[in-house]
Amino acid sequence: MSVGSTVSIISADDLSTRTENVRSNSFLSSNPTSRLSLPNVDHIQQLKREVDKLKKELNHTQESHRQKMEQLVREEQDIRNENLRLQRKLQLEVRFSNSFFFF
């Protein structure tokens, strides 16, 4: 050893603790949220709540629309069936009236 140099002995526990500290520090510095100020974090949370609210509203609106469309399809089918029934009834009445006309 040369004069003025120091030697330090590090135990395995000290080494693992230092490694964990370095990892956690590097995680914090790479994590963008850790660099945000508290008002920004609050604003982000507010925006997330708003997104959740809008998603729920969209789902509700989509479900209402789906139900309304199903109702309209049923009503349209009922109208078509009624129309067909009335056309057949009219045909029968026309045939019946024509049969009396020729007698």
PDB file of N, CA and C in Angstrom:
ATOM      1  N   MET A   1       0.820  -1.171   0.000  1.00  0.00           N
ATOM      2  CA  MET A   1       0.000   0.000   0.000  1.00  0.00           C
ATOM      3  C   MET A   1       0.866   1.237   0.000  1.00  0.00           C
ATOM      4  N   SER A   2       0.339   2.235  -0.677  1.00  0.00           N
ATOM      5  CA  SER A   2       1.094   3.483  -0.724  1.00  0.00           C
ATOM      6  C   SER A   2       0.662   4.381   0.412  1.00  0.00           C
ATOM      7  N   VAL A   3       1.445   5.363   0.696  1.00  0.00           N
ATOM      8  CA  VAL A   3       1.150   6.270   1.790  1.00  0.00           C
ATOM      9  C   VAL A   3       0.007   7.195   1.368  1.00  0.00           C
ATOM     10  N   GLY A   4      -0.902   7.426   2.257  1.00  0.00           N
ATOM     11  CA  GLY A   4      -2.013   8.326   1.989  1.00  0.00           C
ATOM     12  C   GLY A   4      -3.224   7.631   1.388  1.00  0.00           C
ATOM     13  N   SER A   5      -3.153   6.361   1.036  1.00  0.00           N
ATOM     14  CA  SER A   5      -4.325   5.680   0.491  1.00  0.00           C
ATOM     15  C   SER A   5      -5.067   5.022   1.634  1.00  0.00           C
ATOM     16  N   THR A   6      -6.354   4.923   1.476  1.00  0.00           N
ATOM     17  CA  THR A   6      -7.154   4.291   2.519  1.00  0.00           C
ATOM     18  C   THR A   6      -7.790   3.046   1.958  1.00  0.00           C
ATOM     19  N   VAL A   7      -7.987   2.119   2.802  1.00  0.00           N
ATOM     20  CA  VAL A   7      -8.630   0.875   2.417  1.00  0.00           C
ATOM     21  C   VAL A   7      -9.892   0.754   3.253  1.00  0.00           C
ATOM     22  N   SER A   8     -11.006   0.485   2.597  1.00  0.00           N
ATOM     23  CA  SER A   8     -12.232   0.271   3.352  1.00  0.00           C
ATOM     24  C   SER A   8     -12.741  -1.122   3.052  1.00  0.00           C
ATOM     25  N   ILE A   9     -13.202  -1.737   4.081  1.00  0.00           N
ATOM     26  CA  ILE A   9     -13.740  -3.085   3.938  1.00  0.00           C
ATOM     27  C   ILE A   9     -15.254  -2.962   4.043  1.00  0.00           C
ATOM     28  N   ILE A  10     -15.937  -3.488   3.050  1.00  0.00           N
ATOM     29  CA  ILE A  10     -17.398  -3.404   2.996  1.00  0.00           C
ATOM     30  C   ILE A  10     -17.951  -4.805   3.159  1.00  0.00           C
ATOM     31  N   SER A  11     -18.852  -4.944   4.075  1.00  0.00           N
ATOM     32  CA  SER A  11     -19.477  -6.245   4.273  1.00  0.00           C
ATOM     33  C   SER A  11     -20.519  -6.479   3.175  1.00  0.00           C
ATOM     34  N   ALA A  12     -20.974  -7.702   3.046  1.00  0.00           N
ATOM     35  CA  ALA A  12     -21.985  -8.053   2.049  1.00  0.00           C
ATOM     36  C   ALA A  12     -23.300  -7.320   2.337  1.00  0.00           C
ATOM     37  N   ASP A  13     -23.662  -7.164   3.611  1.00  0.00           N
ATOM     38  CA  ASP A  13     -24.887  -6.449   3.975  1.00  0.00           C
ATOM     39  C   ASP A  13     -24.811  -4.985   3.569  1.00  0.00           C
ATOM     40  N   ASP A  14     -23.635  -4.349   3.821  1.00  0.00           N
ATOM     41  CA  ASP A  14     -23.458  -2.948   3.432  1.00  0.00           C
ATOM     42  C   ASP A  14     -23.566  -2.789   1.923  1.00  0.00           C
ATOM     43  N   LEU A  15     -22.991  -3.740   1.190  1.00  0.00           N
ATOM     44  CA  LEU A  15     -23.006  -3.675  -0.267  1.00  0.00           C
ATOM     45  C   LEU A  15     -24.436  -3.788  -0.800  1.00  0.00           C
ATOM     46  N   SER A  16     -25.214  -4.742  -0.242  1.00  0.00           N
ATOM     47  CA  SER A  16     -26.589  -4.891  -0.723  1.00  0.00           C
ATOM     48  C   SER A  16     -27.423  -3.663  -0.378  1.00  0.00           C
ATOM     49  N   THR A  17     -27.199  -3.058   0.808  1.00  0.00           N
ATOM     50  CA  THR A  17     -27.927  -1.856   1.188  1.00  0.00           C
ATOM     51  C   THR A  17     -27.595  -0.712   0.251  1.00  0.00           C
ATOM     52  N   ARG A  18     -26.314  -0.555  -0.067  1.00  0.00           N
ATOM     53  CA  ARG A  18     -25.906   0.513  -0.981  1.00  0.00           C
ATOM     54  C   ARG A  18     -26.475   0.282  -2.380  1.00  0.00           C
ATOM     55  N   THR A  19     -26.500  -0.966  -2.816  1.00  0.00           N
ATOM     56  CA  THR A  19     -27.045  -1.287  -4.139  1.00  0.00           C
ATOM     57  C   THR A  19     -28.538  -0.955  -4.192  1.00  0.00           C
ATOM     58  N   GLU A  20     -29.277  -1.302  -3.118  1.00  0.00           N
ATOM     59  CA  GLU A  20     -30.701  -0.991  -3.073  1.00  0.00           C
ATOM     60  C   GLU A  20     -30.934   0.513  -3.083  1.00  0.00           C
ATOM     61  N   ASN A  21     -30.117   1.264  -2.355  1.00  0.00           N
ATOM     62  CA  ASN A  21     -30.250   2.717  -2.335  1.00  0.00           C
ATOM     63  C   ASN A  21     -30.006   3.306  -3.713  1.00  0.00           C
ATOM     64  N   VAL A  22     -29.018   2.794  -4.407  1.00  0.00           N
ATOM     65  CA  VAL A  22     -28.723   3.290  -5.751  1.00  0.00           C
ATOM     66  C   VAL A  22     -29.884   2.978  -6.674  1.00  0.00           C
ATOM     67  N   ARG A  23     -30.426   1.751  -6.550  1.00  0.00           N
ATOM     68  CA  ARG A  23     -31.573   1.385  -7.396  1.00  0.00           C
ATOM     69  C   ARG A  23     -32.768   2.277  -7.109  1.00  0.00           C
ATOM     70  N   SER A  24     -33.065   2.493  -5.826  1.00  0.00           N
ATOM     71  CA  SER A  24     -34.233   3.316  -5.506  1.00  0.00           C
ATOM     72  C   SER A  24     -34.013   4.758  -5.945  1.00  0.00           C
ATOM     73  N   ASN A  25     -32.816   5.266  -5.797  1.00  0.00           N
ATOM     74  CA  ASN A  25     -32.541   6.623  -6.246  1.00  0.00           C
ATOM     75  C   ASN A  25     -32.639   6.734  -7.759  1.00  0.00           C
ATOM     76  N   SER A  26     -32.155   5.735  -8.472  1.00  0.00           N
ATOM     77  CA  SER A  26     -32.246   5.791  -9.932  1.00  0.00           C
ATOM     78  C   SER A  26     -33.694   5.651 -10.383  1.00  0.00           C
ATOM     79  N   PHE A  27     -34.488   4.871  -9.633  1.00  0.00           N
ATOM     80  CA  PHE A  27     -35.905   4.740  -9.969  1.00  0.00           C
ATOM     81  C   PHE A  27     -36.609   6.081  -9.783  1.00  0.00           C
ATOM     82  N   LEU A  28     -36.317   6.730  -8.668  1.00  0.00           N
ATOM     83  CA  LEU A  28     -36.968   8.012  -8.408  1.00  0.00           C
ATOM     84  C   LEU A  28     -36.589   9.046  -9.449  1.00  0.00           C
ATOM     85  N   SER A  29     -35.348   9.046  -9.850  1.00  0.00           N
ATOM     86  CA  SER A  29     -34.938  10.054 -10.825  1.00  0.00           C
ATOM     87  C   SER A  29     -35.473   9.737 -12.216  1.00  0.00           C
ATOM     88  N   SER A  30     -35.750   8.451 -12.480  1.00  0.00           N
ATOM     89  CA  SER A  30     -36.293   8.109 -13.793  1.00  0.00           C
ATOM     90  C   SER A  30     -37.816   8.146 -13.805  1.00  0.00           C
ATOM     91  N   ASN A  31     -38.426   8.212 -12.644  1.00  0.00           N
ATOM     92  CA  ASN A  31     -39.872   8.235 -12.537  1.00  0.00           C
ATOM     93  C   ASN A  31     -40.355   9.682 -12.721  1.00  0.00           C
ATOM     94  N   PRO A  32     -41.097   9.968 -13.803  1.00  0.00           N
ATOM     95  CA  PRO A  32     -41.515  11.352 -14.055  1.00  0.00           C
ATOM     96  C   PRO A  32     -42.447  11.910 -12.986  1.00  0.00           C
ATOM     97  N   THR A  33     -43.212  11.055 -12.316  1.00  0.00           N
ATOM     98  CA  THR A  33     -44.148  11.531 -11.305  1.00  0.00           C
ATOM     99  C   THR A  33     -43.403  12.108 -10.105  1.00  0.00           C
ATOM    100  N   SER A  34     -42.238  11.546  -9.810  1.00  0.00           N
ATOM    101  CA  SER A  34     -41.499  12.027  -8.644  1.00  0.00           C
ATOM    102  C   SER A  34     -40.997  13.447  -8.856  1.00  0.00           C
ATOM    103  N   ARG A  35     -40.877  13.864 -10.074  1.00  0.00           N
ATOM    104  CA  ARG A  35     -40.392  15.219 -10.361  1.00  0.00           C
ATOM    105  C   ARG A  35     -41.529  16.230 -10.428  1.00  0.00           C
ATOM    106  N   LEU A  36     -42.759  15.757 -10.337  1.00  0.00           N
ATOM    107  CA  LEU A  36     -43.896  16.664 -10.434  1.00  0.00           C
ATOM    108  C   LEU A  36     -44.160  17.320  -9.089  1.00  0.00           C
ATOM    109  N   SER A  37     -44.626  18.531  -9.159  1.00  0.00           N
ATOM    110  CA  SER A  37     -44.980  19.225  -7.926  1.00  0.00           C
ATOM    111  C   SER A  37     -46.339  18.728  -7.461  1.00  0.00           C
ATOM    112  N   LEU A  38     -46.655  18.982  -6.225  1.00  0.00           N
ATOM    113  CA  LEU A  38     -47.918  18.531  -5.637  1.00  0.00           C
ATOM    114  C   LEU A  38     -49.139  19.058  -6.381  1.00  0.00           C
ATOM    115  N   PRO A  39     -49.186  20.336  -6.786  1.00  0.00           N
ATOM    116  CA  PRO A  39     -50.362  20.789  -7.563  1.00  0.00           C
ATOM    117  C   PRO A  39     -50.517  20.020  -8.876  1.00  0.00           C
ATOM    118  N   ASN A  40     -49.393  19.659  -9.511  1.00  0.00           N
ATOM    119  CA  ASN A  40     -49.488  18.890 -10.753  1.00  0.00           C
ATOM    120  C   ASN A  40     -50.045  17.501 -10.496  1.00  0.00           C
ATOM    121  N   VAL A  41     -49.632  16.877  -9.404  1.00  0.00           N
ATOM    122  CA  VAL A  41     -50.146  15.555  -9.053  1.00  0.00           C
ATOM    123  C   VAL A  41     -51.642  15.651  -8.782  1.00  0.00           C
ATOM    124  N   ASP A  42     -52.056  16.681  -8.059  1.00  0.00           N
ATOM    125  CA  ASP A  42     -53.489  16.879  -7.792  1.00  0.00           C
ATOM    126  C   ASP A  42     -54.263  17.074  -9.094  1.00  0.00           C
ATOM    127  N   HIS A  43     -53.678  17.831  -9.990  1.00  0.00           N
ATOM    128  CA  HIS A  43     -54.340  18.073 -11.277  1.00  0.00           C
ATOM    129  C   HIS A  43     -54.448  16.769 -12.070  1.00  0.00           C
ATOM    130  N   ILE A  44     -53.409  15.971 -12.044  1.00  0.00           N
ATOM    131  CA  ILE A  44     -53.427  14.673 -12.747  1.00  0.00           C
ATOM    132  C   ILE A  44     -54.510  13.782 -12.155  1.00  0.00           C
ATOM    133  N   GLN A  45     -54.601  13.746 -10.837  1.00  0.00           N
ATOM    134  CA  GLN A  45     -55.634  12.934 -10.193  1.00  0.00           C
ATOM    135  C   GLN A  45     -57.028  13.450 -10.545  1.00  0.00           C
ATOM    136  N   GLN A  46     -57.185  14.750 -10.598  1.00  0.00           N
ATOM    137  CA  GLN A  46     -58.473  15.332 -10.985  1.00  0.00           C
ATOM    138  C   GLN A  46     -58.817  14.927 -12.416  1.00  0.00           C
ATOM    139  N   LEU A  47     -57.838  14.984 -13.304  1.00  0.00           N
ATOM    140  CA  LEU A  47     -58.080  14.604 -14.697  1.00  0.00           C
ATOM    141  C   LEU A  47     -58.429  13.117 -14.808  1.00  0.00           C
ATOM    142  N   LYS A  48     -57.774  12.285 -14.020  1.00  0.00           N
ATOM    143  CA  LYS A  48     -58.094  10.850 -14.033  1.00  0.00           C
ATOM    144  C   LYS A  48     -59.517  10.611 -13.554  1.00  0.00           C
ATOM    145  N   ARG A  49     -59.918  11.346 -12.495  1.00  0.00           N
ATOM    146  CA  ARG A  49     -61.305  11.207 -12.022  1.00  0.00           C
ATOM    147  C   ARG A  49     -62.291  11.654 -13.092  1.00  0.00           C
ATOM    148  N   GLU A  50     -61.943  12.728 -13.777  1.00  0.00           N
ATOM    149  CA  GLU A  50     -62.817  13.225 -14.844  1.00  0.00           C
ATOM    150  C   GLU A  50     -62.914  12.218 -15.980  1.00  0.00           C
ATOM    151  N   VAL A  51     -61.793  11.597 -16.333  1.00  0.00           N
ATOM    152  CA  VAL A  51     -61.797  10.567 -17.387  1.00  0.00           C
ATOM    153  C   VAL A  51     -62.673   9.405 -16.960  1.00  0.00           C
ATOM    154  N   ASP A  52     -62.536   8.962 -15.701  1.00  0.00           N
ATOM    155  CA  ASP A  52     -63.378   7.872 -15.202  1.00  0.00           C
ATOM    156  C   ASP A  52     -64.857   8.245 -15.268  1.00  0.00           C
ATOM    157  N   LYS A  53     -65.178   9.470 -14.866  1.00  0.00           N
ATOM    158  CA  LYS A  53     -66.568   9.940 -14.907  1.00  0.00           C
ATOM    159  C   LYS A  53     -67.085   9.948 -16.341  1.00  0.00           C
ATOM    160  N   LEU A  54     -66.269  10.437 -17.263  1.00  0.00           N
ATOM    161  CA  LEU A  54     -66.687  10.499 -18.667  1.00  0.00           C
ATOM    162  C   LEU A  54     -66.834   9.101 -19.271  1.00  0.00           C
ATOM    163  N   LYS A  55     -65.982   8.178 -18.856  1.00  0.00           N
ATOM    164  CA  LYS A  55     -66.120   6.792 -19.331  1.00  0.00           C
ATOM    165  C   LYS A  55     -67.436   6.190 -18.863  1.00  0.00           C
ATOM    166  N   LYS A  56     -67.772   6.429 -17.586  1.00  0.00           N
ATOM    167  CA  LYS A  56     -69.052   5.929 -17.061  1.00  0.00           C
ATOM    168  C   LYS A  56     -70.219   6.557 -17.805  1.00  0.00           C
ATOM    169  N   GLU A  57     -70.123   7.852 -18.040  1.00  0.00           N
ATOM    170  CA  GLU A  57     -71.186   8.554 -18.767  1.00  0.00           C
ATOM    171  C   GLU A  57     -71.327   8.006 -20.186  1.00  0.00           C
ATOM    172  N   LEU A  58     -70.194   7.760 -20.840  1.00  0.00           N
ATOM    173  CA  LEU A  58     -70.219   7.197 -22.191  1.00  0.00           C
ATOM    174  C   LEU A  58     -70.852   5.811 -22.184  1.00  0.00           C
ATOM    175  N   ASN A  59     -70.458   4.975 -21.229  1.00  0.00           N
ATOM    176  CA  ASN A  59     -71.039   3.635 -21.146  1.00  0.00           C
ATOM    177  C   ASN A  59     -72.547   3.700 -20.931  1.00  0.00           C
ATOM    178  N   HIS A  60     -72.980   4.608 -20.059  1.00  0.00           N
ATOM    179  CA  HIS A  60     -74.413   4.766 -19.807  1.00  0.00           C
ATOM    180  C   HIS A  60     -75.135   5.227 -21.078  1.00  0.00           C
ATOM    181  N   THR A  61     -74.564   6.193 -21.755  1.00  0.00           N
ATOM    182  CA  THR A  61     -75.166   6.722 -22.983  1.00  0.00           C
ATOM    183  C   THR A  61     -75.218   5.645 -24.064  1.00  0.00           C
ATOM    184  N   GLN A  62     -74.155   4.878 -24.181  1.00  0.00           N
ATOM    185  CA  GLN A  62     -74.139   3.798 -25.175  1.00  0.00           C
ATOM    186  C   GLN A  62     -75.208   2.752 -24.860  1.00  0.00           C
ATOM    187  N   GLU A  63     -75.358   2.413 -23.584  1.00  0.00           N
ATOM    188  CA  GLU A  63     -76.367   1.436 -23.195  1.00  0.00           C
ATOM    189  C   GLU A  63     -77.773   1.979 -23.472  1.00  0.00           C
ATOM    190  N   SER A  64     -77.998   3.235 -23.163  1.00  0.00           N
ATOM    191  CA  SER A  64     -79.302   3.853 -23.449  1.00  0.00           C
ATOM    192  C   SER A  64     -79.579   3.850 -24.951  1.00  0.00           C
ATOM    193  N   HIS A  65     -78.567   4.169 -25.722  1.00  0.00           N
ATOM    194  CA  HIS A  65     -78.712   4.175 -27.179  1.00  0.00           C
ATOM    195  C   HIS A  65     -79.026   2.768 -27.687  1.00  0.00           C
ATOM    196  N   ARG A  66     -78.314   1.778 -27.165  1.00  0.00           N
ATOM    197  CA  ARG A  66     -78.546   0.392 -27.580  1.00  0.00           C
ATOM    198  C   ARG A  66     -79.982  -0.031 -27.279  1.00  0.00           C
ATOM    199  N   GLN A  67     -80.456   0.302 -26.083  1.00  0.00           N
ATOM    200  CA  GLN A  67     -81.829  -0.044 -25.709  1.00  0.00           C
ATOM    201  C   GLN A  67     -82.840   0.664 -26.606  1.00  0.00           C
ATOM    202  N   LYS A  68     -82.596   1.933 -26.877  1.00  0.00           N
ATOM    203  CA  LYS A  68     -83.509   2.701 -27.739  1.00  0.00           C
ATOM    204  C   LYS A  68     -83.541   2.103 -29.140  1.00  0.00           C
ATOM    205  N   MET A  69     -82.372   1.729 -29.660  1.00  0.00           N
ATOM    206  CA  MET A  69     -82.322   1.130 -30.998  1.00  0.00           C
ATOM    207  C   MET A  69     -83.050  -0.215 -31.030  1.00  0.00           C
ATOM    208  N   GLU A  70     -82.898  -1.007 -29.991  1.00  0.00           N
ATOM    209  CA  GLU A  70     -83.632  -2.272 -29.920  1.00  0.00           C
ATOM    210  C   GLU A  70     -85.132  -2.023 -29.909  1.00  0.00           C
ATOM    211  N   GLN A  71     -85.552  -1.025 -29.168  1.00  0.00           N
ATOM    212  CA  GLN A  71     -86.970  -0.673 -29.114  1.00  0.00           C
ATOM    213  C   GLN A  71     -87.464  -0.239 -30.496  1.00  0.00           C
ATOM    214  N   LEU A  72     -86.688   0.595 -31.177  1.00  0.00           N
ATOM    215  CA  LEU A  72     -87.079   1.056 -32.511  1.00  0.00           C
ATOM    216  C   LEU A  72     -87.160  -0.104 -33.509  1.00  0.00           C
ATOM    217  N   VAL A  73     -86.229  -1.041 -33.405  1.00  0.00           N
ATOM    218  CA  VAL A  73     -86.248  -2.203 -34.297  1.00  0.00           C
ATOM    219  C   VAL A  73     -87.518  -3.029 -34.039  1.00  0.00           C
ATOM    220  N   ARG A  74     -87.863  -3.223 -32.750  1.00  0.00           N
ATOM    221  CA  ARG A  74     -89.095  -3.973 -32.434  1.00  0.00           C
ATOM    222  C   ARG A  74     -90.335  -3.245 -32.960  1.00  0.00           C
ATOM    223  N   GLU A  75     -90.362  -1.924 -32.755  1.00  0.00           N
ATOM    224  CA  GLU A  75     -91.506  -1.142 -33.239  1.00  0.00           C
ATOM    225  C   GLU A  75     -91.605  -1.197 -34.761  1.00  0.00           C
ATOM    226  N   GLU A  76     -90.477  -1.099 -35.422  1.00  0.00           N
ATOM    227  CA  GLU A  76     -90.483  -1.171 -36.884  1.00  0.00           C
ATOM    228  C   GLU A  76     -90.999  -2.529 -37.358  1.00  0.00           C
ATOM    229  N   GLN A  77     -90.556  -3.593 -36.708  1.00  0.00           N
ATOM    230  CA  GLN A  77     -91.027  -4.935 -37.074  1.00  0.00           C
ATOM    231  C   GLN A  77     -92.533  -5.060 -36.821  1.00  0.00           C
ATOM    232  N   ASP A  78     -93.002  -4.515 -35.705  1.00  0.00           N
ATOM    233  CA  ASP A  78     -94.442  -4.547 -35.417  1.00  0.00           C
ATOM    234  C   ASP A  78     -95.225  -3.784 -36.482  1.00  0.00           C
ATOM    235  N   ILE A  79     -94.712  -2.641 -36.892  1.00  0.00           N
ATOM    236  CA  ILE A  79     -95.385  -1.842 -37.931  1.00  0.00           C
ATOM    237  C   ILE A  79     -95.406  -2.602 -39.255  1.00  0.00           C
ATOM    238  N   ARG A  80     -94.303  -3.239 -39.589  1.00  0.00           N
ATOM    239  CA  ARG A  80     -94.271  -4.033 -40.832  1.00  0.00           C
ATOM    240  C   ARG A  80     -95.277  -5.180 -40.785  1.00  0.00           C
ATOM    241  N   ASN A  81     -95.330  -5.842 -39.642  1.00  0.00           N
ATOM    242  CA  ASN A  81     -96.283  -6.946 -39.490  1.00  0.00           C
ATOM    243  C   ASN A  81     -97.723  -6.440 -39.593  1.00  0.00           C
ATOM    244  N   GLU A  82     -97.995  -5.320 -38.971  1.00  0.00           N
ATOM    245  CA  GLU A  82     -99.339  -4.737 -39.046  1.00  0.00           C
ATOM    246  C   GLU A  82     -99.671  -4.331 -40.482  1.00  0.00           C
ATOM    247  N   ASN A  83     -98.698  -3.759 -41.149  1.00  0.00           N
ATOM    248  CA  ASN A  83     -98.889  -3.366 -42.545  1.00  0.00           C
ATOM    249  C   ASN A  83     -99.206  -4.590 -43.406  1.00  0.00           C
ATOM    250  N   LEU A  84     -98.459  -5.640 -43.231  1.00  0.00           N
ATOM    251  CA  LEU A  84     -98.686  -6.872 -43.986  1.00  0.00           C
ATOM    252  C   LEU A  84    -100.077  -7.447 -43.683  1.00  0.00           C
ATOM    253  N   ARG A  85    -100.460  -7.437 -42.420  1.00  0.00           N
ATOM    254  CA  ARG A  85    -101.783  -7.935 -42.032  1.00  0.00           C
ATOM    255  C   ARG A  85    -102.891  -7.104 -42.691  1.00  0.00           C
ATOM    256  N   LEU A  86    -102.725  -5.783 -42.700  1.00  0.00           N
ATOM    257  CA  LEU A  86    -103.731  -4.922 -43.315  1.00  0.00           C
ATOM    258  C   LEU A  86    -103.788  -5.086 -44.836  1.00  0.00           C
ATOM    259  N   GLN A  87    -102.635  -5.290 -45.451  1.00  0.00           N
ATOM    260  CA  GLN A  87    -102.625  -5.533 -46.904  1.00  0.00           C
ATOM    261  C   GLN A  87    -103.383  -6.811 -47.233  1.00  0.00           C
ATOM    262  N   ARG A  88    -103.161  -7.840 -46.458  1.00  0.00           N
ATOM    263  CA  ARG A  88    -103.867  -9.106 -46.701  1.00  0.00           C
ATOM    264  C   ARG A  88    -105.375  -8.942 -46.473  1.00  0.00           C
ATOM    265  N   LYS A  89    -105.707  -8.221 -45.442  1.00  0.00           N
ATOM    266  CA  LYS A  89    -107.127  -7.976 -45.161  1.00  0.00           C
ATOM    267  C   LYS A  89    -107.766  -7.209 -46.317  1.00  0.00           C
ATOM    268  N   LEU A  90    -107.069  -6.194 -46.828  1.00  0.00           N
ATOM    269  CA  LEU A  90    -107.572  -5.425 -47.954  1.00  0.00           C
ATOM    270  C   LEU A  90    -107.753  -6.315 -49.184  1.00  0.00           C
ATOM    271  N   GLN A  91    -106.784  -7.159 -49.444  1.00  0.00           N
ATOM    272  CA  GLN A  91    -106.899  -8.067 -50.591  1.00  0.00           C
ATOM    273  C   GLN A  91    -108.128  -8.962 -50.461  1.00  0.00           C
ATOM    274  N   LEU A  92    -108.346  -9.466 -49.266  1.00  0.00           N
ATOM    275  CA  LEU A  92    -109.521 -10.312 -49.051  1.00  0.00           C
ATOM    276  C   LEU A  92    -110.815  -9.523 -49.271  1.00  0.00           C
ATOM    277  N   GLU A  93    -110.855  -8.297 -48.801  1.00  0.00           N
ATOM    278  CA  GLU A  93    -112.049  -7.474 -48.971  1.00  0.00           C
ATOM    279  C   GLU A  93    -112.265  -7.139 -50.439  1.00  0.00           C
ATOM    280  N   VAL A  94    -111.184  -6.848 -51.152  1.00  0.00           N
ATOM    281  CA  VAL A  94    -111.308  -6.547 -52.581  1.00  0.00           C
ATOM    282  C   VAL A  94    -111.803  -7.788 -53.309  1.00  0.00           C
ATOM    283  N   ARG A  95    -111.282  -8.937 -53.027  1.00  0.00           N
ATOM    284  CA  ARG A  95    -111.727 -10.179 -53.674  1.00  0.00           C
ATOM    285  C   ARG A  95    -113.202 -10.459 -53.346  1.00  0.00           C
ATOM    286  N   PHE A  96    -113.528 -10.239 -52.080  1.00  0.00           N
ATOM    287  CA  PHE A  96    -114.897 -10.493 -51.664  1.00  0.00           C
ATOM    288  C   PHE A  96    -115.864  -9.539 -52.370  1.00  0.00           C
ATOM    289  N   SER A  97    -115.501  -8.264 -52.453  1.00  0.00           N
ATOM    290  CA  SER A  97    -116.377  -7.297 -53.110  1.00  0.00           C
ATOM    291  C   SER A  97    -116.450  -7.559 -54.612  1.00  0.00           C
ATOM    292  N   ASN A  98    -115.335  -7.986 -55.210  1.00  0.00           N
ATOM    293  CA  ASN A  98    -115.344  -8.320 -56.639  1.00  0.00           C
ATOM    294  C   ASN A  98    -116.200  -9.547 -56.911  1.00  0.00           C
ATOM    295  N   SER A  99    -116.238 -10.462 -56.024  1.00  0.00           N
ATOM    296  CA  SER A  99    -117.037 -11.667 -56.237  1.00  0.00           C
ATOM    297  C   SER A  99    -118.526 -11.312 -56.219  1.00  0.00           C
ATOM    298  N   PHE A 100    -118.962 -10.329 -55.426  1.00  0.00           N
ATOM    299  CA  PHE A 100    -120.353  -9.907 -55.428  1.00  0.00           C
ATOM    300  C   PHE A 100    -120.685  -9.048 -56.628  1.00  0.00           C
ATOM    301  N   PHE A 101    -119.711  -8.358 -57.129  1.00  0.00           N
ATOM    302  CA  PHE A 101    -119.919  -7.475 -58.276  1.00  0.00           C
ATOM    303  C   PHE A 101    -120.313  -8.290 -59.507  1.00  0.00           C
ATOM    304  N   PHE A 102    -119.766  -9.469 -59.666  1.00  0.00           N
ATOM    305  CA  PHE A 102    -120.027 -10.265 -60.850  1.00  0.00           C
ATOM    306  C   PHE A 102    -121.315 -11.072 -60.723  1.00  0.00           C
ATOM    307  N   PHE A 103    -121.935 -11.115 -59.608  1.00  0.00           N
ATOM    308  CA  PHE A 103    -123.188 -11.884 -59.473  1.00  0.00           C
ATOM    309  C   PHE A 103    -124.348 -11.044 -59.718  1.00  0.00           C
TER     310      PHE A 103
END
